[in-house]
Amino acid sequence: MSRHAIGDIQGCCDELRALLTRIGFSADRDRLWFVGDLVNRGPRSLEVLRYVRALADNAIVVLGNHDLHLLAVACGCSAARRSDTLDEILRAHDRDSLLEWLATRPLAHFEAGDLLVHAGLVPQWTVETTLGLAREVELALRNDPRNLFDHMYGDEPDRWSADLAGTDRLRFAINVLTRVRVCTNDGRINLRLKGKPPAAGSEWLPWFDIESRRTRGNRVIFGHWSALGLIVRDDVIGLDSGCVWGGALTALDLDGPRSARGATISIPCNGYQSPDE
């Protein structure tokens, strides 16, 4: 059995199939870890959902911001955006079963020392804290999705505190797990900073470069930050290589040599949207 982690697909199904052929994936023995954002902005989100769902226990999927956006649009809690490519899913005869499956995916997964999230963490969180907060969101998504989505959007609060409660706590957890790129040592996040990492001397650092990060003893696998490019280190793996923007879709052998880019395989992508969309 092999384990491969795969970066943001965002509806790029042809590239996904080509990548799985390249790595020699076998659905009866291997497992795939998906960093989230299965859907949106690429052309074949419906096919991606159907394909990954059919993998059953051979696929570990964490939710990304685009996956949550799809669920919010489907339940009428958010308007579709100009750049969305979700209509085919929303019109599909099997939309309900696909969305029910998607809504039961976790926001974090931990196994054999590896922590899988879509975007990132704040330095104060341990693995146990991360999993606990992810479960709180998952419970809200299962029990009262409309209330969750009605309060999900927004950039506040912008600093972690264990005293956060209610919708503020859930929103902060969602923002960190599915949207964060940079933060400060004291757990403050800035969701407006995108693109390349800030220049030296900025108070804002990539979340994984905070020296006090309490998850440094584990390997964190994430996506979301296409402008960052591929990151392969002992303690962190960043796999969003910008497929939907004309970059590549990348897989990494989780059981291969650590810190080795040779453990990654990438398939070039045609590019379906420009970065300013």
Protein backbone atom coordinates (compact mmCIF):
# COMPACT_ATOMS: atom_id res chain seq x y z
CA MET A 1 0.00 0.00 0.00
CA SER A 2 1.22 3.51 -0.83
CA ARG A 3 0.00 6.88 0.41
CA HIS A 4 0.11 9.95 -1.81
CA ALA A 5 -1.00 13.47 -0.92
CA ILE A 6 -2.47 15.54 -3.76
CA GLY A 7 -2.72 19.32 -4.06
CA ASP A 8 -5.73 21.52 -4.86
CA ILE A 9 -7.63 20.02 -7.81
CA GLN A 10 -10.34 22.69 -8.22
CA GLY A 11 -12.26 20.82 -10.89
CA CYS A 12 -9.24 19.84 -13.00
CA CYS A 13 -10.34 16.25 -13.51
CA ASP A 14 -8.29 15.44 -16.61
CA GLU A 15 -5.13 16.42 -14.74
CA LEU A 16 -6.18 14.35 -11.71
CA ARG A 17 -6.68 11.23 -13.81
CA ALA A 18 -3.36 11.76 -15.59
CA LEU A 19 -1.58 12.27 -12.28
CA LEU A 20 -3.01 9.08 -10.78
CA THR A 21 -1.92 7.15 -13.85
CA ARG A 22 1.57 8.63 -13.52
CA ILE A 23 1.93 7.57 -9.87
CA GLY A 24 0.53 4.12 -10.58
CA PHE A 25 -2.42 4.49 -8.23
CA SER A 26 -4.45 1.36 -7.60
CA ALA A 27 -7.86 1.88 -5.97
CA ASP A 28 -7.82 -1.57 -4.39
CA ARG A 29 -4.62 -1.05 -2.41
CA ASP A 30 -3.45 2.60 -2.27
CA ARG A 31 -4.70 5.64 -0.38
CA LEU A 32 -4.89 9.25 -1.47
CA TRP A 33 -4.81 12.29 0.83
CA PHE A 34 -6.51 15.33 -0.71
CA VAL A 35 -5.69 18.76 0.75
CA GLY A 36 -9.14 20.14 -0.10
CA ASP A 37 -10.60 22.41 -2.77
CA LEU A 38 -11.75 19.53 -4.89
CA VAL A 39 -14.06 21.91 -6.73
CA ASN A 40 -14.52 25.31 -8.35
CA ARG A 41 -12.86 27.47 -10.99
CA GLY A 42 -11.83 24.48 -13.07
CA PRO A 43 -14.10 22.92 -15.71
CA ARG A 44 -15.08 19.50 -14.29
CA SER A 45 -15.89 19.82 -10.60
CA LEU A 46 -18.82 17.42 -10.85
CA GLU A 47 -16.62 14.68 -12.29
CA VAL A 48 -13.99 15.25 -9.60
CA LEU A 49 -16.58 14.89 -6.83
CA ARG A 50 -17.99 11.70 -8.34
CA TYR A 51 -14.55 10.21 -8.86
CA VAL A 52 -13.17 10.97 -5.39
CA ARG A 53 -16.38 9.91 -3.63
CA ALA A 54 -16.26 6.57 -5.46
CA LEU A 55 -12.81 5.92 -3.94
CA ALA A 56 -14.56 5.47 -0.57
CA ASP A 57 -12.06 4.63 2.20
CA ASN A 58 -9.14 4.91 -0.21
CA ALA A 59 -9.54 8.71 -0.16
CA ILE A 60 -8.93 11.02 2.79
CA VAL A 61 -10.38 14.45 2.01
CA VAL A 62 -10.28 17.59 4.16
CA LEU A 63 -12.54 20.50 3.30
CA GLY A 64 -11.15 23.62 1.68
CA ASN A 65 -12.66 27.08 1.36
CA HIS A 66 -14.07 26.34 -2.09
CA ASP A 67 -15.69 23.12 -0.86
CA LEU A 68 -17.36 25.01 1.99
CA HIS A 69 -18.43 27.72 -0.44
CA LEU A 70 -20.14 25.11 -2.61
CA LEU A 71 -22.05 23.79 0.41
CA ALA A 72 -23.05 27.31 1.44
CA VAL A 73 -24.31 28.14 -2.07
CA ALA A 74 -26.20 24.85 -2.27
CA CYS A 75 -28.11 25.56 0.94
CA GLY A 76 -28.91 29.13 -0.12
CA CYS A 77 -26.66 30.83 2.43
CA SER A 78 -24.27 32.42 -0.07
CA ALA A 79 -24.53 33.84 -3.56
CA ALA A 80 -22.49 32.34 -6.37
CA ARG A 81 -19.49 34.38 -7.52
CA ARG A 82 -18.63 35.40 -11.06
CA SER A 83 -15.64 33.06 -11.13
CA ASP A 84 -17.52 30.04 -9.76
CA THR A 85 -17.90 26.91 -11.90
CA LEU A 86 -20.36 25.08 -9.67
CA ASP A 87 -23.56 25.08 -11.75
CA GLU A 88 -23.03 21.57 -13.13
CA ILE A 89 -22.91 20.18 -9.59
CA LEU A 90 -25.97 22.12 -8.48
CA ARG A 91 -27.99 20.82 -11.45
CA ALA A 92 -26.79 17.20 -11.23
CA HIS A 93 -29.27 14.40 -10.61
CA ASP A 94 -27.01 13.09 -7.83
CA ARG A 95 -26.25 16.49 -6.27
CA ASP A 96 -27.85 15.62 -2.94
CA SER A 97 -25.79 12.47 -2.39
CA LEU A 98 -22.60 14.23 -3.50
CA LEU A 99 -23.19 17.21 -1.22
CA GLU A 100 -24.13 14.97 1.71
CA TRP A 101 -20.85 13.11 1.23
CA LEU A 102 -18.86 16.33 0.96
CA ALA A 103 -20.47 17.76 4.11
CA THR A 104 -19.23 14.78 6.14
CA ARG A 105 -15.56 15.32 5.24
CA PRO A 106 -13.36 16.56 8.13
CA LEU A 107 -11.41 19.80 8.33
CA ALA A 108 -8.30 18.04 9.67
CA HIS A 109 -6.93 14.52 9.59
CA PHE A 110 -4.07 13.08 11.64
CA GLU A 111 -2.34 9.77 11.07
CA ALA A 112 1.16 8.35 11.65
CA GLY A 113 2.53 11.75 12.67
CA ASP A 114 1.13 13.56 9.61
CA LEU A 115 -1.46 16.33 9.98
CA LEU A 116 -3.55 17.17 6.91
CA VAL A 117 -5.31 20.56 6.64
CA HIS A 118 -6.31 22.75 3.73
CA ALA A 119 -4.65 26.06 4.63
CA GLY A 120 -2.76 26.24 7.92
CA LEU A 121 -2.58 26.67 11.68
CA VAL A 122 -1.82 29.30 14.27
CA PRO A 123 1.28 28.72 16.42
CA GLN A 124 -0.66 28.18 19.65
CA TRP A 125 -2.49 25.14 18.33
CA THR A 126 -1.26 21.65 19.05
CA VAL A 127 -2.37 18.70 16.96
CA GLU A 128 -4.95 17.91 19.64
CA THR A 129 -6.27 21.50 19.64
CA THR A 130 -6.49 21.47 15.84
CA LEU A 131 -8.42 18.21 15.74
CA GLY A 132 -10.72 19.35 18.53
CA LEU A 133 -11.59 22.62 16.76
CA ALA A 134 -12.07 20.79 13.48
CA ARG A 135 -14.53 18.44 15.18
CA GLU A 136 -16.47 21.41 16.57
CA VAL A 137 -16.93 22.75 13.04
CA GLU A 138 -17.80 19.30 11.72
CA LEU A 139 -20.47 18.89 14.40
CA ALA A 140 -21.99 22.27 13.54
CA LEU A 141 -21.93 21.39 9.85
CA ARG A 142 -23.77 18.16 10.55
CA ASN A 143 -26.33 19.48 13.06
CA ASP A 144 -27.11 23.02 11.87
CA PRO A 145 -25.43 23.80 8.54
CA ARG A 146 -27.59 26.82 7.75
CA ASN A 147 -26.63 28.56 10.98
CA LEU A 148 -22.97 27.74 10.40
CA PHE A 149 -22.96 29.12 6.85
CA ASP A 150 -24.99 32.20 7.85
CA HIS A 151 -22.14 33.15 10.21
CA MET A 152 -19.14 31.66 8.38
CA TYR A 153 -18.09 34.63 6.26
CA GLY A 154 -15.97 37.46 7.67
CA ASP A 155 -12.41 38.13 8.84
CA GLU A 156 -13.11 38.68 12.54
CA PRO A 157 -12.03 37.73 15.12
CA ASP A 158 -8.44 37.97 13.90
CA ARG A 159 -6.61 36.61 16.96
CA TRP A 160 -6.75 33.22 18.61
CA SER A 161 -7.98 32.90 22.17
CA ALA A 162 -9.06 29.74 23.92
CA ASP A 163 -11.93 31.84 25.30
CA LEU A 164 -13.51 32.31 21.87
CA ALA A 165 -17.01 30.84 21.84
CA GLY A 166 -20.03 30.34 19.62
CA THR A 167 -19.96 31.55 16.03
CA ASP A 168 -16.78 33.58 16.61
CA ARG A 169 -14.92 30.43 17.60
CA LEU A 170 -16.24 28.45 14.64
CA ARG A 171 -15.49 31.28 12.18
CA PHE A 172 -11.94 31.65 13.45
CA ALA A 173 -11.34 27.89 13.21
CA ILE A 174 -12.71 27.81 9.65
CA ASN A 175 -10.64 30.83 8.62
CA VAL A 176 -7.43 29.30 9.92
CA LEU A 177 -8.01 25.79 8.63
CA THR A 178 -9.25 26.85 5.17
CA ARG A 179 -7.99 30.40 4.46
CA VAL A 180 -4.94 31.44 6.46
CA ARG A 181 -1.54 32.10 4.88
CA VAL A 182 0.23 34.41 7.30
CA CYS A 183 0.07 35.14 11.01
CA THR A 184 2.04 36.59 13.90
CA ASN A 185 3.71 34.92 16.82
CA ASP A 186 0.78 35.80 19.10
CA GLY A 187 -1.80 34.12 16.87
CA ARG A 188 -3.09 37.10 14.90
CA ILE A 189 -4.10 36.33 11.30
CA ASN A 190 -4.35 38.51 8.20
CA LEU A 191 -6.63 37.06 5.55
CA ARG A 192 -6.15 39.96 3.12
CA LEU A 193 -2.49 39.18 2.43
CA LYS A 194 -2.21 36.92 -0.60
CA GLY A 195 0.40 36.35 -3.27
CA LYS A 196 4.01 35.79 -2.35
CA PRO A 197 5.10 35.77 1.32
CA PRO A 198 5.68 39.24 2.81
CA ALA A 199 9.15 40.74 2.53
CA ALA A 200 11.73 40.30 5.27
CA GLY A 201 11.04 42.48 8.29
CA SER A 202 7.26 42.20 8.08
CA GLU A 203 5.39 41.29 11.24
CA TRP A 204 3.46 38.80 9.11
CA LEU A 205 5.14 35.45 8.47
CA PRO A 206 4.01 32.32 6.66
CA TRP A 207 2.19 30.39 9.38
CA PHE A 208 4.63 27.46 9.10
CA ASP A 209 7.70 29.68 9.72
CA ILE A 210 6.64 30.84 13.18
CA GLU A 211 9.37 29.53 15.49
CA SER A 212 6.98 28.92 18.38
CA ARG A 213 4.59 26.78 16.30
CA ARG A 214 3.49 23.91 18.53
CA THR A 215 3.00 21.49 15.64
CA ARG A 216 6.69 21.54 14.62
CA GLY A 217 7.13 18.00 15.89
CA ASN A 218 4.74 16.74 13.23
CA ARG A 219 4.64 17.00 9.46
CA VAL A 220 1.83 19.28 8.27
CA ILE A 221 0.50 18.78 4.75
CA PHE A 222 -1.49 21.64 3.22
CA GLY A 223 -2.55 23.39 0.01
CA HIS A 224 -4.38 26.68 -0.62
CA TRP A 225 -1.37 28.96 -1.30
CA SER A 226 -0.69 28.64 -5.04
CA ALA A 227 1.60 31.69 -5.17
CA LEU A 228 3.89 30.01 -2.65
CA GLY A 229 4.72 27.15 -4.96
CA LEU A 230 5.74 23.67 -3.94
CA ILE A 231 7.22 23.39 -0.42
CA VAL A 232 8.86 20.13 0.70
CA ARG A 233 10.46 20.16 4.14
CA ASP A 234 10.79 17.73 7.01
CA ASP A 235 8.03 19.48 8.96
CA VAL A 236 5.78 20.90 6.25
CA ILE A 237 4.55 19.99 2.77
CA GLY A 238 2.81 22.64 0.64
CA LEU A 239 1.16 21.09 -2.43
CA ASP A 240 -0.86 23.82 -4.17
CA SER A 241 1.19 24.22 -7.32
CA GLY A 242 -1.50 26.29 -9.05
CA CYS A 243 -3.17 23.77 -11.32
CA VAL A 244 -6.23 25.85 -12.14
CA TRP A 245 -4.03 28.91 -12.85
CA GLY A 246 -1.89 27.12 -15.43
CA GLY A 247 0.67 25.61 -13.04
CA ALA A 248 0.60 21.93 -12.20
CA LEU A 249 -1.21 19.33 -10.14
CA THR A 250 1.21 17.69 -7.73
CA ALA A 251 1.31 14.47 -5.75
CA LEU A 252 3.79 13.56 -3.03
CA ASP A 253 4.66 10.08 -1.80
CA LEU A 254 4.03 10.37 1.93
CA ASP A 255 6.13 7.31 2.64
CA GLY A 256 9.07 8.35 0.48
CA PRO A 257 12.22 10.22 1.57
CA ARG A 258 11.47 13.35 3.58
CA SER A 259 12.70 16.73 2.29
CA ALA A 260 13.04 15.16 -1.16
CA ARG A 261 11.37 16.90 -4.09
CA GLY A 262 12.07 13.70 -5.97
CA ALA A 263 9.19 12.22 -4.02
CA THR A 264 6.81 14.56 -5.91
CA ILE A 265 5.24 14.07 -9.32
CA SER A 266 3.50 16.90 -11.19
CA ILE A 267 1.23 17.08 -14.21
CA PRO A 268 1.17 20.39 -16.12
CA CYS A 269 -2.23 22.04 -16.27
CA ASN A 270 -3.83 23.96 -19.12
CA GLY A 271 -4.95 26.78 -16.82
CA TYR A 272 -8.62 27.63 -16.66
CA GLN A 273 -8.63 31.04 -14.96
CA SER A 274 -6.22 33.94 -14.73
CA PRO A 275 -4.82 34.85 -11.28
CA ASP A 276 -6.81 38.09 -11.12
CA GLU A 277 -10.17 36.32 -11.41
